[in-house]
Amino acid sequence: MYKFLLLFTTRILVVFSMALILLIPQYVVSQGINKVDISSLTVNELSKMVESREFASGPYENFANDQTNNYYVLSTQDIEHKFVTLYILEQSYNSNFMVNIGSSSDLDLHFFLVNKVHGKTDLDIYTELNTYIDKANNAIESMNQEQLRLWELQHNKFSSK
């Protein structure tokens, strides 16, 4: 009887120990240990993180997440008119949930964060960005070249005036 209890107890301890050993790495990763702190990265470092990405869902993509934020990148290199880029950036500055955290030096990549407290999904963010793009394209159609030029001069926060 004692042999049986000893054998049974030993097996339970072995199984418990193995389960614990397998769970510790998962726990460590889920707690953010060994993860990059995205909020402390520079725009150049963020650019390197996304430089090889292909934007399948449009000119934007969720490229990282942490415990508090989702991080998005907008690539404007395929956007034909500078007005559209500036319009998107201006609208994002007015957003209640999207924060522009920087742009690449050549303005091809723009980085945003959305705090998870807002409960926004990737689809919500993509829809918001699509709305900005649609509004910009509609505005282009209603403006002549001189109006576009004047609007860009007034709203381009990236140019040296």
C-alpha atoms as a PDB file:
ATOM      1  CA  MET A   1       0.000   0.000   0.000  1.00  0.00           C
ATOM      2  CA  TYR A   2       2.799   2.417   0.908  1.00  0.00           C
ATOM      3  CA  LYS A   3       4.655   1.556  -2.297  1.00  0.00           C
ATOM      4  CA  PHE A   4       1.531   2.405  -4.279  1.00  0.00           C
ATOM      5  CA  LEU A   5       1.098   5.771  -2.496  1.00  0.00           C
ATOM      6  CA  LEU A   6       4.774   6.584  -2.902  1.00  0.00           C
ATOM      7  CA  LEU A   7       4.684   5.698  -6.613  1.00  0.00           C
ATOM      8  CA  PHE A   8       1.418   7.607  -7.122  1.00  0.00           C
ATOM      9  CA  THR A   9       2.728  10.692  -5.273  1.00  0.00           C
ATOM     10  CA  THR A  10       5.998  10.599  -7.210  1.00  0.00           C
ATOM     11  CA  ARG A  11       4.150  10.489 -10.527  1.00  0.00           C
ATOM     12  CA  ILE A  12       1.928  13.405  -9.544  1.00  0.00           C
ATOM     13  CA  LEU A  13       4.977  15.450  -8.527  1.00  0.00           C
ATOM     14  CA  VAL A  14       6.721  14.636 -11.823  1.00  0.00           C
ATOM     15  CA  VAL A  15       3.663  15.609 -13.878  1.00  0.00           C
ATOM     16  CA  PHE A  16       3.174  18.801 -11.831  1.00  0.00           C
ATOM     17  CA  SER A  17       6.858  19.719 -12.187  1.00  0.00           C
ATOM     18  CA  MET A  18       6.824  19.156 -15.942  1.00  0.00           C
ATOM     19  CA  ALA A  19       3.665  21.242 -16.328  1.00  0.00           C
ATOM     20  CA  LEU A  20       5.227  24.034 -14.280  1.00  0.00           C
ATOM     21  CA  ILE A  21       8.405  23.945 -16.348  1.00  0.00           C
ATOM     22  CA  LEU A  22       6.367  24.190 -19.560  1.00  0.00           C
ATOM     23  CA  LEU A  23       4.197  27.027 -18.236  1.00  0.00           C
ATOM     24  CA  ILE A  24       6.982  29.291 -16.921  1.00  0.00           C
ATOM     25  CA  PRO A  25       8.236  30.406 -20.369  1.00  0.00           C
ATOM     26  CA  GLN A  26       4.640  31.199 -21.438  1.00  0.00           C
ATOM     27  CA  TYR A  27       4.128  33.222 -18.249  1.00  0.00           C
ATOM     28  CA  VAL A  28       7.373  35.106 -18.748  1.00  0.00           C
ATOM     29  CA  VAL A  29       6.495  36.013 -22.351  1.00  0.00           C
ATOM     30  CA  SER A  30       2.937  36.985 -21.426  1.00  0.00           C
ATOM     31  CA  GLN A  31       4.236  39.316 -18.738  1.00  0.00           C
ATOM     32  CA  GLY A  32       6.222  41.271 -21.322  1.00  0.00           C
ATOM     33  CA  ILE A  33       9.631  40.076 -20.216  1.00  0.00           C
ATOM     34  CA  ASN A  34      11.958  39.788 -23.225  1.00  0.00           C
ATOM     35  CA  LYS A  35       9.599  41.984 -25.276  1.00  0.00           C
ATOM     36  CA  VAL A  36      10.711  45.237 -26.818  1.00  0.00           C
ATOM     37  CA  ASP A  37       9.251  48.334 -25.156  1.00  0.00           C
ATOM     38  CA  ILE A  38       7.774  49.891 -28.289  1.00  0.00           C
ATOM     39  CA  SER A  39       6.866  53.149 -26.586  1.00  0.00           C
ATOM     40  CA  SER A  40      10.555  53.896 -26.052  1.00  0.00           C
ATOM     41  CA  LEU A  41      11.658  53.300 -29.670  1.00  0.00           C
ATOM     42  CA  THR A  42      12.663  56.148 -31.948  1.00  0.00           C
ATOM     43  CA  VAL A  43      11.021  56.763 -35.316  1.00  0.00           C
ATOM     44  CA  ASN A  44      14.114  55.313 -37.038  1.00  0.00           C
ATOM     45  CA  GLU A  45      13.833  52.139 -34.961  1.00  0.00           C
ATOM     46  CA  LEU A  46      10.106  51.908 -35.700  1.00  0.00           C
ATOM     47  CA  SER A  47      10.860  52.395 -39.406  1.00  0.00           C
ATOM     48  CA  LYS A  48      13.305  49.493 -39.316  1.00  0.00           C
ATOM     49  CA  MET A  49      10.644  47.309 -37.671  1.00  0.00           C
ATOM     50  CA  VAL A  50       8.226  47.840 -40.559  1.00  0.00           C
ATOM     51  CA  GLU A  51      10.541  48.363 -43.544  1.00  0.00           C
ATOM     52  CA  SER A  52      10.035  44.849 -44.950  1.00  0.00           C
ATOM     53  CA  ARG A  53       6.268  44.784 -44.402  1.00  0.00           C
ATOM     54  CA  GLU A  54       3.827  44.442 -47.242  1.00  0.00           C
ATOM     55  CA  PHE A  55       0.642  46.347 -46.568  1.00  0.00           C
ATOM     56  CA  ALA A  56      -2.032  43.819 -47.515  1.00  0.00           C
ATOM     57  CA  SER A  57      -5.111  45.608 -46.137  1.00  0.00           C
ATOM     58  CA  GLY A  58      -4.265  49.046 -47.512  1.00  0.00           C
ATOM     59  CA  PRO A  59      -1.597  51.665 -46.843  1.00  0.00           C
ATOM     60  CA  TYR A  60      -1.795  50.946 -43.095  1.00  0.00           C
ATOM     61  CA  GLU A  61      -1.184  48.064 -40.733  1.00  0.00           C
ATOM     62  CA  ASN A  62      -1.166  47.134 -37.061  1.00  0.00           C
ATOM     63  CA  PHE A  63       2.492  46.270 -36.567  1.00  0.00           C
ATOM     64  CA  ALA A  64       2.782  45.837 -32.796  1.00  0.00           C
ATOM     65  CA  ASN A  65       0.880  45.601 -29.525  1.00  0.00           C
ATOM     66  CA  ASP A  66       1.764  45.845 -25.881  1.00  0.00           C
ATOM     67  CA  GLN A  67      -0.271  45.714 -22.689  1.00  0.00           C
ATOM     68  CA  THR A  68      -1.668  49.235 -23.087  1.00  0.00           C
ATOM     69  CA  ASN A  69      -1.463  50.200 -26.774  1.00  0.00           C
ATOM     70  CA  ASN A  70      -1.866  49.011 -30.335  1.00  0.00           C
ATOM     71  CA  TYR A  71       0.624  50.491 -32.808  1.00  0.00           C
ATOM     72  CA  TYR A  72      -0.158  51.292 -36.437  1.00  0.00           C
ATOM     73  CA  VAL A  73       1.886  52.426 -39.387  1.00  0.00           C
ATOM     74  CA  LEU A  74       0.608  54.341 -42.400  1.00  0.00           C
ATOM     75  CA  SER A  75       2.680  54.187 -45.577  1.00  0.00           C
ATOM     76  CA  THR A  76       2.064  57.160 -47.839  1.00  0.00           C
ATOM     77  CA  GLN A  77       4.575  56.374 -50.554  1.00  0.00           C
ATOM     78  CA  ASP A  78       1.799  55.116 -52.878  1.00  0.00           C
ATOM     79  CA  ILE A  79      -0.532  58.039 -52.160  1.00  0.00           C
ATOM     80  CA  GLU A  80      -0.400  60.207 -55.257  1.00  0.00           C
ATOM     81  CA  HIS A  81      -1.192  63.621 -53.845  1.00  0.00           C
ATOM     82  CA  LYS A  82       0.569  65.306 -50.943  1.00  0.00           C
ATOM     83  CA  PHE A  83      -2.759  66.867 -49.965  1.00  0.00           C
ATOM     84  CA  VAL A  84      -4.133  63.421 -49.034  1.00  0.00           C
ATOM     85  CA  THR A  85      -1.179  62.720 -46.747  1.00  0.00           C
ATOM     86  CA  LEU A  86      -1.456  66.089 -45.037  1.00  0.00           C
ATOM     87  CA  TYR A  87      -5.206  65.700 -44.688  1.00  0.00           C
ATOM     88  CA  ILE A  88      -4.845  62.275 -43.048  1.00  0.00           C
ATOM     89  CA  LEU A  89      -2.264  63.632 -40.611  1.00  0.00           C
ATOM     90  CA  GLU A  90      -4.389  66.644 -39.742  1.00  0.00           C
ATOM     91  CA  GLN A  91      -7.430  64.463 -39.105  1.00  0.00           C
ATOM     92  CA  SER A  92      -5.401  62.095 -36.936  1.00  0.00           C
ATOM     93  CA  TYR A  93      -4.248  65.052 -34.816  1.00  0.00           C
ATOM     94  CA  ASN A  94      -7.923  65.836 -34.162  1.00  0.00           C
ATOM     95  CA  SER A  95      -8.787  62.231 -33.258  1.00  0.00           C
ATOM     96  CA  ASN A  96      -9.950  61.437 -29.728  1.00  0.00           C
ATOM     97  CA  PHE A  97      -8.249  58.055 -29.690  1.00  0.00           C
ATOM     98  CA  MET A  98      -5.469  57.995 -32.299  1.00  0.00           C
ATOM     99  CA  VAL A  99      -2.132  59.581 -31.396  1.00  0.00           C
ATOM    100  CA  ASN A 100       0.505  60.365 -34.013  1.00  0.00           C
ATOM    101  CA  ILE A 101       3.797  59.286 -32.457  1.00  0.00           C
ATOM    102  CA  GLY A 102       6.089  60.246 -35.323  1.00  0.00           C
ATOM    103  CA  SER A 103       6.925  60.170 -38.988  1.00  0.00           C
ATOM    104  CA  SER A 104       9.923  58.994 -40.922  1.00  0.00           C
ATOM    105  CA  SER A 105      12.224  61.765 -42.074  1.00  0.00           C
ATOM    106  CA  ASP A 106      11.099  61.444 -45.689  1.00  0.00           C
ATOM    107  CA  LEU A 107       7.419  61.331 -44.581  1.00  0.00           C
ATOM    108  CA  ASP A 108       6.720  57.943 -46.161  1.00  0.00           C
ATOM    109  CA  LEU A 109       5.876  56.249 -42.846  1.00  0.00           C
ATOM    110  CA  HIS A 110       3.663  57.648 -40.108  1.00  0.00           C
ATOM    111  CA  PHE A 111       3.256  55.938 -36.747  1.00  0.00           C
ATOM    112  CA  PHE A 112       0.211  56.001 -34.495  1.00  0.00           C
ATOM    113  CA  LEU A 113      -0.825  54.449 -31.238  1.00  0.00           C
ATOM    114  CA  VAL A 114      -4.287  53.716 -29.946  1.00  0.00           C
ATOM    115  CA  ASN A 115      -4.683  53.055 -26.251  1.00  0.00           C
ATOM    116  CA  LYS A 116      -6.570  49.825 -25.591  1.00  0.00           C
ATOM    117  CA  VAL A 117      -8.835  51.604 -23.090  1.00  0.00           C
ATOM    118  CA  HIS A 118     -10.763  52.967 -26.110  1.00  0.00           C
ATOM    119  CA  GLY A 119     -11.720  49.440 -27.184  1.00  0.00           C
ATOM    120  CA  LYS A 120     -10.935  50.100 -30.852  1.00  0.00           C
ATOM    121  CA  THR A 121     -10.318  47.097 -33.085  1.00  0.00           C
ATOM    122  CA  ASP A 122      -8.013  47.024 -36.098  1.00  0.00           C
ATOM    123  CA  LEU A 123     -11.111  47.241 -38.275  1.00  0.00           C
ATOM    124  CA  ASP A 124     -12.205  50.416 -36.450  1.00  0.00           C
ATOM    125  CA  ILE A 125      -8.807  52.011 -37.070  1.00  0.00           C
ATOM    126  CA  TYR A 126      -8.680  50.910 -40.719  1.00  0.00           C
ATOM    127  CA  THR A 127     -12.198  52.271 -41.230  1.00  0.00           C
ATOM    128  CA  GLU A 128     -11.188  55.584 -39.658  1.00  0.00           C
ATOM    129  CA  LEU A 129      -8.122  55.866 -41.902  1.00  0.00           C
ATOM    130  CA  ASN A 130     -10.195  54.945 -44.968  1.00  0.00           C
ATOM    131  CA  THR A 131     -12.655  57.693 -44.015  1.00  0.00           C
ATOM    132  CA  TYR A 132      -9.790  60.207 -43.884  1.00  0.00           C
ATOM    133  CA  ILE A 133      -8.555  59.072 -47.304  1.00  0.00           C
ATOM    134  CA  ASP A 134     -12.057  59.262 -48.827  1.00  0.00           C
ATOM    135  CA  LYS A 135     -12.664  62.744 -47.391  1.00  0.00           C
ATOM    136  CA  ALA A 136      -9.306  63.917 -48.739  1.00  0.00           C
ATOM    137  CA  ASN A 137     -10.029  62.550 -52.212  1.00  0.00           C
ATOM    138  CA  ASN A 138     -13.460  64.225 -52.194  1.00  0.00           C
ATOM    139  CA  ALA A 139     -11.886  67.517 -51.127  1.00  0.00           C
ATOM    140  CA  ILE A 140      -9.321  67.309 -53.958  1.00  0.00           C
ATOM    141  CA  GLU A 141     -12.136  66.996 -56.475  1.00  0.00           C
ATOM    142  CA  SER A 142     -13.805  70.149 -55.189  1.00  0.00           C
ATOM    143  CA  MET A 143     -10.651  72.316 -55.159  1.00  0.00           C
ATOM    144  CA  ASN A 144      -8.656  73.871 -57.958  1.00  0.00           C
ATOM    145  CA  GLN A 145      -4.837  73.845 -58.071  1.00  0.00           C
ATOM    146  CA  GLU A 146      -4.478  77.234 -56.373  1.00  0.00           C
ATOM    147  CA  GLN A 147      -6.812  76.255 -53.530  1.00  0.00           C
ATOM    148  CA  LEU A 148      -4.860  73.029 -53.030  1.00  0.00           C
ATOM    149  CA  ARG A 149      -1.566  74.914 -52.988  1.00  0.00           C
ATOM    150  CA  LEU A 150      -2.850  77.430 -50.437  1.00  0.00           C
ATOM    151  CA  TRP A 151      -4.341  74.695 -48.246  1.00  0.00           C
ATOM    152  CA  GLU A 152      -1.053  72.785 -48.275  1.00  0.00           C
ATOM    153  CA  LEU A 153       0.905  75.918 -47.351  1.00  0.00           C
ATOM    154  CA  GLN A 154      -1.418  76.590 -44.445  1.00  0.00           C
ATOM    155  CA  HIS A 155      -1.641  73.004 -43.145  1.00  0.00           C
ATOM    156  CA  ASN A 156       1.793  71.520 -43.828  1.00  0.00           C
ATOM    157  CA  LYS A 157       3.328  71.325 -40.350  1.00  0.00           C
ATOM    158  CA  PHE A 158       6.337  69.506 -41.799  1.00  0.00           C
ATOM    159  CA  SER A 159       7.587  72.210 -44.124  1.00  0.00           C
ATOM    160  CA  SER A 160       9.875  75.046 -43.181  1.00  0.00           C
ATOM    161  CA  LYS A 161       7.969  78.247 -43.854  1.00  0.00           C
END
